[in-house]
Amino acid sequence: MSASSPSDGNSSFALEAQDGSDGFIGGRLSWLLAGVGIAGLVAAAVASPAQARAAASQDWSPFVLVIGLLLIGLVVADDGLFAAAGHQLARLARNGAVLFLGATVMVGVVTAVLNLDTSVAFLTPVLVYTARSRGGGEAPLLYGCLLLSNAGSLFLPGSNLTNLIVLGHHHLSGAAFLTHMWAPALAGLVVTAVVIAVLERRVLRVNAEELALSVRPKFRLGLVAIVLATVLVLALRSPALPVAIVGFVAVGVRLATKREKLLRVVEVIGVPVLVGLFGVAVALGTLGRAWSGPATLLAHLDLWGTGVFAAASSVLVNNLPAASLLSARSPGQPFALLVGLNLGPNLFVTGSLAWMLWLRTARSAGANPSILKASRMGAVAVPLSLAAALTVLLLAGSK
């Protein structure tokens, strides 16, 4: 990390885990996406100003919220909380299966509270070094971080931008959203974890000795920011601005005390990618308002058809623009739509921003992630997790 280390040199584990998240958005692809997004935004504004404004009004708050959560995640990482949690897993879980179970819980909690993009950006290097510190294979934790982050993004509105975009018409509080979605979200997460565990069972059979090293987290600003953000997301119907303020204040304190660098903060936010995705989302949201085709198609689909169609759409155009297009007119089955949009991205790299973050952070941590292997695992996990989540949703009487 460009600022001082979270553990003040207590162990190389914490330092390496932190450094692995550096510069996870960048390169020509990011700027190309930004250019496409700006072009789409301009085209939508020129073609249909009123509908473009409506689309932007629906889409802006999720992007503001994720900026706040990423900034909070940065401060939490600086305080060493992620690294310490990973090290405790490595110390206490000598059995590979127990280690994977602990990692699943960690990814699920971080994804639910701090967003799936924060999860893959900061937990990927931590879990890679957790596996290496035990001397076991890293595949279950490496690929698990991506697949479980996508699968675990149905718990709270801020867990995934798609949740806020699709339910923008409904103005649900975080607590109300959790009431509807905790069971389908848990089903999707558990089934995905089981699939990964079965596919990587040989690696998970390896046991390791307990580590003697210690990583001491600092329970200060990062923990306070997490608590505040969680309360705001649960209590408010529109938590984007308050959570963003918490994130900017927390990072501002670190900048003022010279414990963080501005360039690092900009890299964490990933401005070009967010600008690009926002522009594309507004453009497709404008299209969805001007053209009744997507709304008409969804109106003729049942719960199962809606989930499958949403999953396919997420892979074709990315789940954020797909959410904007398919929810431009209030969908009849918004929760089934979300299940498909959030679980479908596990099929391929085009599905979500989380894939880009995961690939970059994994490579920065010295891992060699395979898109093909992740997609093969997703090809097994997505149909099963989709079926499980939609079944629970149907039994609960939600759509």
Protein backbone atom coordinates (compact mmCIF):
# COMPACT_ATOMS: atom_id res chain seq x y z
CA MET A 1 0.00 0.00 0.00
CA SER A 2 1.19 3.47 -0.76
CA ALA A 3 0.43 4.71 2.73
CA SER A 4 1.84 3.28 5.92
CA SER A 5 1.10 -0.36 6.46
CA PRO A 6 -1.82 -1.37 8.63
CA SER A 7 0.22 -3.48 10.94
CA ASP A 8 3.30 -1.26 11.17
CA GLY A 9 5.59 -4.03 10.03
CA ASN A 10 4.25 -6.79 12.24
CA SER A 11 4.29 -9.28 9.40
CA SER A 12 4.91 -9.58 5.69
CA PHE A 13 1.54 -11.30 5.38
CA ALA A 14 -0.34 -8.08 6.11
CA LEU A 15 1.93 -6.00 3.92
CA GLU A 16 1.67 -8.31 0.94
CA ALA A 17 -2.07 -8.66 1.30
CA GLN A 18 -2.42 -4.91 1.28
CA ASP A 19 -0.08 -4.30 -1.64
CA GLY A 20 -1.93 -6.81 -3.80
CA SER A 21 -4.85 -4.45 -4.20
CA ASP A 22 -2.85 -1.60 -5.74
CA GLY A 23 -3.92 -0.18 -9.06
CA PHE A 24 -6.78 -2.54 -9.73
CA ILE A 25 -8.42 -0.39 -12.39
CA GLY A 26 -6.41 1.08 -15.20
CA GLY A 27 -5.13 0.63 -18.70
CA ARG A 28 -6.51 1.33 -22.11
CA LEU A 29 -9.61 -0.80 -21.63
CA SER A 30 -10.77 1.41 -18.77
CA TRP A 31 -10.41 4.57 -20.81
CA LEU A 32 -12.03 2.93 -23.82
CA LEU A 33 -15.02 2.05 -21.65
CA ALA A 34 -15.12 5.63 -20.35
CA GLY A 35 -15.17 6.93 -23.93
CA VAL A 36 -17.99 4.58 -24.90
CA GLY A 37 -19.97 5.57 -21.82
CA ILE A 38 -19.56 9.30 -22.43
CA ALA A 39 -20.56 8.85 -26.07
CA GLY A 40 -23.64 6.89 -25.03
CA LEU A 41 -24.55 9.49 -22.43
CA VAL A 42 -24.29 12.32 -24.96
CA ALA A 43 -26.27 10.38 -27.56
CA ALA A 44 -29.04 9.64 -25.05
CA ALA A 45 -29.21 13.27 -23.92
CA VAL A 46 -29.45 14.52 -27.50
CA ALA A 47 -31.95 11.90 -28.67
CA SER A 48 -34.34 12.06 -25.72
CA PRO A 49 -33.43 14.61 -23.01
CA ALA A 50 -36.39 13.91 -20.71
CA GLN A 51 -35.94 10.14 -20.76
CA ALA A 52 -32.17 10.48 -20.35
CA ARG A 53 -32.75 12.62 -17.24
CA ALA A 54 -35.13 9.98 -15.88
CA ALA A 55 -32.56 7.23 -16.52
CA ALA A 56 -29.78 9.27 -14.90
CA SER A 57 -32.04 9.96 -11.91
CA GLN A 58 -32.53 6.21 -11.45
CA ASP A 59 -28.85 5.30 -11.94
CA TRP A 60 -26.78 7.97 -10.18
CA SER A 61 -27.32 6.94 -6.55
CA PRO A 62 -25.98 3.37 -6.89
CA PHE A 63 -22.74 4.68 -8.37
CA VAL A 64 -22.37 7.25 -5.59
CA LEU A 65 -23.01 4.53 -3.01
CA VAL A 66 -20.36 2.20 -4.41
CA ILE A 67 -17.81 5.03 -4.36
CA GLY A 68 -18.50 5.53 -0.66
CA LEU A 69 -18.24 1.80 0.06
CA LEU A 70 -14.98 1.44 -1.88
CA LEU A 71 -13.49 4.34 0.09
CA ILE A 72 -14.59 2.77 3.36
CA GLY A 73 -13.07 -0.51 2.18
CA LEU A 74 -9.78 1.29 1.55
CA VAL A 75 -9.70 2.64 5.10
CA VAL A 76 -10.63 -0.77 6.52
CA ALA A 77 -7.78 -2.33 4.53
CA ASP A 78 -5.39 0.34 5.80
CA ASP A 79 -6.36 -0.54 9.36
CA GLY A 80 -5.41 -4.16 8.67
CA LEU A 81 -8.85 -5.66 9.37
CA PHE A 82 -8.99 -7.70 6.16
CA ALA A 83 -5.43 -8.96 6.49
CA ALA A 84 -5.94 -9.86 10.15
CA ALA A 85 -9.13 -11.77 9.35
CA GLY A 86 -7.34 -13.73 6.64
CA HIS A 87 -4.43 -14.49 8.92
CA GLN A 88 -6.74 -15.70 11.67
CA LEU A 89 -8.31 -18.08 9.16
CA ALA A 90 -4.88 -19.39 8.24
CA ARG A 91 -3.94 -19.85 11.92
CA LEU A 92 -7.14 -21.47 13.15
CA ALA A 93 -8.31 -23.54 10.20
CA ARG A 94 -5.82 -26.36 9.76
CA ASN A 95 -8.34 -28.30 7.68
CA GLY A 96 -8.82 -27.05 4.12
CA ALA A 97 -12.59 -27.47 4.23
CA VAL A 98 -12.85 -25.44 7.44
CA LEU A 99 -10.64 -22.77 5.89
CA PHE A 100 -12.93 -22.56 2.86
CA LEU A 101 -16.00 -22.35 5.09
CA GLY A 102 -14.45 -19.45 6.99
CA ALA A 103 -13.50 -17.73 3.74
CA THR A 104 -17.08 -18.14 2.48
CA VAL A 105 -18.44 -16.44 5.60
CA MET A 106 -15.87 -13.65 5.29
CA VAL A 107 -16.63 -12.99 1.62
CA GLY A 108 -20.38 -13.15 2.26
CA VAL A 109 -20.24 -10.63 5.12
CA VAL A 110 -17.91 -8.18 3.34
CA THR A 111 -19.97 -8.40 0.16
CA ALA A 112 -23.25 -7.82 1.99
CA VAL A 113 -21.98 -4.86 4.01
CA LEU A 114 -19.37 -3.23 1.75
CA ASN A 115 -20.42 -4.29 -1.79
CA LEU A 116 -19.10 -7.09 -4.00
CA ASP A 117 -16.59 -4.78 -5.72
CA THR A 118 -15.03 -3.93 -2.37
CA SER A 119 -14.94 -7.64 -1.57
CA VAL A 120 -13.02 -8.72 -4.67
CA ALA A 121 -10.78 -5.65 -4.61
CA PHE A 122 -9.55 -6.11 -1.05
CA LEU A 123 -10.18 -9.76 -0.16
CA THR A 124 -8.68 -11.39 -3.27
CA PRO A 125 -5.04 -10.69 -2.30
CA VAL A 126 -5.79 -11.47 1.34
CA LEU A 127 -7.22 -14.88 0.49
CA VAL A 128 -4.40 -15.65 -1.95
CA TYR A 129 -1.82 -15.03 0.77
CA THR A 130 -3.97 -16.88 3.29
CA ALA A 131 -3.77 -20.00 1.12
CA ARG A 132 -0.04 -19.59 0.49
CA SER A 133 0.79 -19.05 4.14
CA ARG A 134 -0.64 -22.51 4.87
CA GLY A 135 1.25 -24.16 2.03
CA GLY A 136 -1.95 -25.37 0.34
CA GLY A 137 -3.44 -24.73 -3.08
CA GLU A 138 -4.93 -21.29 -3.62
CA ALA A 139 -7.58 -22.17 -6.23
CA PRO A 140 -10.59 -22.60 -3.89
CA LEU A 141 -10.02 -19.24 -2.22
CA LEU A 142 -8.91 -17.44 -5.39
CA TYR A 143 -11.89 -18.46 -7.52
CA GLY A 144 -14.18 -18.57 -4.52
CA CYS A 145 -13.62 -14.88 -3.84
CA LEU A 146 -15.02 -13.94 -7.25
CA LEU A 147 -17.88 -16.43 -7.47
CA LEU A 148 -18.97 -15.99 -3.86
CA SER A 149 -18.84 -12.19 -4.12
CA ASN A 150 -21.23 -12.25 -7.08
CA ALA A 151 -23.42 -14.87 -5.41
CA GLY A 152 -23.49 -13.04 -2.08
CA SER A 153 -24.55 -9.69 -3.51
CA LEU A 154 -28.29 -10.14 -2.89
CA PHE A 155 -28.42 -9.49 0.85
CA LEU A 156 -28.60 -5.68 1.06
CA PRO A 157 -29.31 -2.87 -1.44
CA GLY A 158 -25.69 -1.70 -1.38
CA SER A 159 -24.30 -5.20 -1.92
CA ASN A 160 -24.62 -4.71 -5.68
CA LEU A 161 -25.41 -1.65 -7.79
CA THR A 162 -28.03 -3.68 -9.66
CA ASN A 163 -30.11 -3.92 -6.47
CA LEU A 164 -30.47 -0.16 -6.26
CA ILE A 165 -31.05 0.33 -9.96
CA VAL A 166 -33.79 -2.29 -10.25
CA LEU A 167 -35.55 -1.31 -7.03
CA GLY A 168 -35.24 2.42 -7.62
CA HIS A 169 -38.97 2.51 -8.32
CA HIS A 170 -39.82 0.87 -4.98
CA HIS A 171 -37.73 2.93 -2.51
CA LEU A 172 -37.21 0.05 -0.07
CA SER A 173 -35.12 0.52 3.05
CA GLY A 174 -32.22 -1.85 3.61
CA ALA A 175 -34.14 -3.67 6.32
CA ALA A 176 -37.15 -4.20 4.03
CA PHE A 177 -34.89 -5.41 1.23
CA LEU A 178 -33.18 -7.86 3.59
CA THR A 179 -36.57 -9.22 4.66
CA HIS A 180 -37.40 -10.08 1.05
CA MET A 181 -34.00 -11.33 -0.06
CA TRP A 182 -32.06 -12.91 2.82
CA ALA A 183 -33.32 -16.44 2.11
CA PRO A 184 -32.75 -16.41 -1.70
CA ALA A 185 -29.39 -14.71 -1.12
CA LEU A 186 -28.33 -17.35 1.40
CA ALA A 187 -29.46 -20.14 -0.94
CA GLY A 188 -27.43 -18.72 -3.83
CA LEU A 189 -24.34 -18.25 -1.66
CA VAL A 190 -24.50 -21.71 -0.08
CA VAL A 191 -25.06 -23.54 -3.36
CA THR A 192 -22.19 -21.65 -5.01
CA ALA A 193 -19.91 -22.52 -2.09
CA VAL A 194 -20.89 -26.20 -2.27
CA VAL A 195 -20.15 -26.30 -6.01
CA ILE A 196 -16.69 -24.78 -5.50
CA ALA A 197 -15.96 -27.13 -2.61
CA VAL A 198 -16.93 -30.18 -4.67
CA LEU A 199 -14.95 -29.08 -7.73
CA GLU A 200 -11.87 -28.29 -5.61
CA ARG A 201 -12.29 -31.13 -3.09
CA ARG A 202 -8.79 -32.52 -3.65
CA VAL A 203 -7.17 -29.21 -2.72
CA LEU A 204 -9.43 -28.79 0.30
CA ARG A 205 -8.36 -32.15 1.72
CA VAL A 206 -4.89 -30.79 2.44
CA ASN A 207 -4.27 -29.97 6.10
CA ALA A 208 -1.67 -27.54 7.43
CA GLU A 209 0.08 -26.75 10.67
CA GLU A 210 -1.03 -23.75 12.73
CA LEU A 211 0.91 -20.56 12.02
CA ALA A 212 2.87 -18.81 14.74
CA LEU A 213 2.84 -15.36 13.15
CA SER A 214 0.48 -12.67 14.35
CA VAL A 215 -1.21 -9.77 12.58
CA ARG A 216 -2.72 -7.11 14.78
CA PRO A 217 -5.55 -5.04 13.27
CA LYS A 218 -6.23 -1.52 14.46
CA PHE A 219 -9.83 -1.02 15.48
CA ARG A 220 -10.21 2.64 14.72
CA LEU A 221 -11.60 4.71 11.82
CA GLY A 222 -12.27 1.79 9.47
CA LEU A 223 -14.41 -0.07 11.98
CA VAL A 224 -16.38 3.08 12.82
CA ALA A 225 -16.99 3.70 9.10
CA ILE A 226 -18.24 0.12 8.60
CA VAL A 227 -20.69 0.41 11.49
CA LEU A 228 -22.01 3.76 10.27
CA ALA A 229 -22.38 2.55 6.69
CA THR A 230 -24.24 -0.59 7.80
CA VAL A 231 -26.67 1.41 9.94
CA LEU A 232 -27.29 3.89 7.13
CA VAL A 233 -27.90 1.18 4.52
CA LEU A 234 -30.32 -0.68 6.78
CA ALA A 235 -32.22 2.37 8.01
CA LEU A 236 -32.45 4.68 5.00
CA ARG A 237 -34.30 4.29 1.72
CA SER A 238 -31.70 6.45 -0.04
CA PRO A 239 -28.37 5.85 1.73
CA ALA A 240 -26.08 6.79 -1.17
CA LEU A 241 -25.13 10.33 -0.18
CA PRO A 242 -24.78 9.65 3.58
CA VAL A 243 -22.59 6.58 2.96
CA ALA A 244 -20.51 8.50 0.42
CA ILE A 245 -20.00 11.27 2.99
CA VAL A 246 -18.79 8.69 5.52
CA GLY A 247 -16.35 7.32 2.95
CA PHE A 248 -15.01 10.71 1.92
CA VAL A 249 -14.64 11.86 5.54
CA ALA A 250 -12.78 8.67 6.48
CA VAL A 251 -10.42 8.97 3.54
CA GLY A 252 -10.10 12.71 4.08
CA VAL A 253 -8.81 12.08 7.59
CA ARG A 254 -6.17 9.72 6.23
CA LEU A 255 -5.18 12.21 3.53
CA ALA A 256 -4.92 15.01 6.07
CA THR A 257 -2.69 12.93 8.32
CA LYS A 258 -0.59 11.85 5.31
CA ARG A 259 -1.43 8.19 5.85
CA GLU A 260 -2.84 7.94 2.33
CA LYS A 261 -2.09 9.41 -1.10
CA LEU A 262 -4.63 11.05 -3.38
CA LEU A 263 -3.50 9.03 -6.39
CA ARG A 264 -4.19 5.83 -4.51
CA VAL A 265 -7.71 7.03 -3.64
CA VAL A 266 -8.41 7.82 -7.30
CA GLU A 267 -7.19 4.36 -8.31
CA VAL A 268 -9.46 2.71 -5.76
CA ILE A 269 -12.53 4.54 -7.04
CA GLY A 270 -11.72 3.57 -10.63
CA VAL A 271 -13.18 6.72 -12.17
CA PRO A 272 -12.87 5.74 -15.88
CA VAL A 273 -14.70 2.44 -15.39
CA LEU A 274 -17.46 3.96 -13.25
CA VAL A 275 -17.94 6.82 -15.72
CA GLY A 276 -18.10 4.35 -18.60
CA LEU A 277 -20.57 2.02 -16.91
CA PHE A 278 -22.73 4.95 -15.79
CA GLY A 279 -22.86 6.32 -19.32
CA VAL A 280 -23.78 2.95 -20.82
CA ALA A 281 -26.37 2.37 -18.10
CA VAL A 282 -28.03 5.75 -18.75
CA ALA A 283 -27.99 5.14 -22.50
CA LEU A 284 -29.67 1.76 -22.13
CA GLY A 285 -32.04 3.13 -19.52
CA THR A 286 -33.06 5.81 -22.01
CA LEU A 287 -33.56 3.14 -24.65
CA GLY A 288 -35.72 1.11 -22.27
CA ARG A 289 -37.94 4.12 -21.70
CA ALA A 290 -38.26 4.96 -25.39
CA TRP A 291 -38.74 1.35 -26.55
CA SER A 292 -41.29 -0.93 -24.94
CA GLY A 293 -39.65 -4.14 -26.16
CA PRO A 294 -37.76 -5.14 -22.96
CA ALA A 295 -40.73 -4.33 -20.70
CA THR A 296 -43.12 -6.25 -22.96
CA LEU A 297 -40.84 -9.28 -23.00
CA LEU A 298 -40.48 -9.30 -19.21
CA ALA A 299 -44.24 -9.01 -18.82
CA HIS A 300 -44.64 -12.31 -20.70
CA LEU A 301 -42.05 -14.19 -18.63
CA ASP A 302 -42.74 -16.05 -15.41
CA LEU A 303 -40.41 -16.05 -12.39
CA TRP A 304 -38.14 -18.69 -13.91
CA GLY A 305 -38.02 -17.06 -17.32
CA THR A 306 -37.27 -13.66 -15.77
CA GLY A 307 -34.33 -15.05 -13.79
CA VAL A 308 -32.82 -16.90 -16.75
CA PHE A 309 -33.30 -13.97 -19.14
CA ALA A 310 -31.70 -11.58 -16.65
CA ALA A 311 -28.72 -13.92 -16.20
CA ALA A 312 -28.19 -14.11 -19.97
CA SER A 313 -28.55 -10.33 -20.31
CA SER A 314 -25.92 -9.73 -17.66
CA VAL A 315 -23.38 -11.68 -19.68
CA LEU A 316 -24.32 -10.00 -22.96
CA VAL A 317 -24.12 -6.36 -21.85
CA ASN A 318 -22.87 -6.44 -18.21
CA ASN A 319 -25.27 -6.58 -15.30
CA LEU A 320 -25.30 -2.83 -14.56
CA PRO A 321 -26.42 -1.66 -18.04
CA ALA A 322 -28.73 -4.69 -18.19
CA ALA A 323 -30.34 -3.64 -14.91
CA SER A 324 -30.89 -0.12 -16.23
CA LEU A 325 -32.42 -1.40 -19.48
CA LEU A 326 -34.69 -4.04 -17.94
CA SER A 327 -35.91 -1.84 -15.09
CA ALA A 328 -36.44 1.34 -17.10
CA ARG A 329 -40.13 0.63 -16.71
CA SER A 330 -41.00 -0.85 -13.34
CA PRO A 331 -40.60 -4.64 -13.74
CA GLY A 332 -43.35 -6.95 -12.54
CA GLN A 333 -40.94 -9.40 -10.89
CA PRO A 334 -38.05 -7.25 -9.61
CA PHE A 335 -36.64 -9.78 -7.13
CA ALA A 336 -36.48 -12.57 -9.70
CA LEU A 337 -34.82 -10.08 -12.05
CA LEU A 338 -32.21 -9.33 -9.41
CA VAL A 339 -31.48 -13.00 -8.81
CA GLY A 340 -30.60 -13.42 -12.48
CA LEU A 341 -28.64 -10.18 -12.72
CA ASN A 342 -26.54 -10.96 -9.63
CA LEU A 343 -25.90 -14.69 -10.11
CA GLY A 344 -25.63 -14.68 -13.91
CA PRO A 345 -22.31 -12.78 -14.02
CA ASN A 346 -20.53 -15.84 -12.66
CA LEU A 347 -20.84 -17.29 -16.15
CA PHE A 348 -18.31 -15.04 -17.88
CA VAL A 349 -15.98 -12.06 -17.52
CA THR A 350 -18.41 -9.68 -19.24
CA GLY A 351 -20.97 -10.17 -16.48
CA SER A 352 -19.87 -7.68 -13.85
CA LEU A 353 -17.29 -5.09 -12.84
CA ALA A 354 -16.20 -7.52 -10.12
CA TRP A 355 -14.48 -9.69 -12.75
CA MET A 356 -12.20 -6.82 -13.81
CA LEU A 357 -11.32 -6.02 -10.23
CA TRP A 358 -10.68 -9.68 -9.43
CA LEU A 359 -8.39 -10.25 -12.41
CA ARG A 360 -6.33 -7.16 -11.66
CA THR A 361 -5.96 -7.75 -7.92
CA ALA A 362 -5.24 -11.45 -8.33
CA ARG A 363 -2.44 -10.72 -10.79
CA SER A 364 -1.07 -8.00 -8.52
CA ALA A 365 -0.92 -10.59 -5.74
CA GLY A 366 1.17 -12.89 -7.94
CA ALA A 367 -1.65 -15.30 -8.80
CA ASN A 368 -2.45 -16.46 -12.32
CA PRO A 369 -6.25 -16.45 -12.55
CA SER A 370 -7.84 -18.24 -15.50
CA ILE A 371 -10.98 -16.77 -17.05
CA LEU A 372 -11.68 -20.17 -18.60
CA LYS A 373 -11.47 -22.01 -15.28
CA ALA A 374 -13.62 -19.43 -13.50
CA SER A 375 -16.21 -19.67 -16.29
CA ARG A 376 -16.22 -23.47 -16.12
CA MET A 377 -16.88 -23.29 -12.40
CA GLY A 378 -19.55 -20.67 -13.02
CA ALA A 379 -21.19 -22.83 -15.67
CA VAL A 380 -21.85 -25.42 -12.96
CA ALA A 381 -22.63 -23.00 -10.14
CA VAL A 382 -24.96 -20.57 -11.92
CA PRO A 383 -27.75 -22.98 -12.99
CA LEU A 384 -27.79 -24.63 -9.57
CA SER A 385 -27.59 -21.41 -7.53
CA LEU A 386 -30.14 -19.73 -9.80
CA ALA A 387 -32.56 -22.62 -9.36
CA ALA A 388 -32.05 -22.64 -5.58
CA ALA A 389 -32.53 -18.89 -5.15
CA LEU A 390 -35.57 -18.73 -7.43
CA THR A 391 -37.14 -21.73 -5.66
CA VAL A 392 -36.71 -20.05 -2.27
CA LEU A 393 -38.06 -16.80 -3.72
CA LEU A 394 -41.13 -18.65 -5.05
CA LEU A 395 -41.73 -20.44 -1.75
CA ALA A 396 -41.43 -17.13 0.11
CA GLY A 397 -44.10 -15.60 -2.12
CA SER A 398 -41.85 -12.84 -3.48
CA LYS A 399 -41.29 -12.03 -7.13
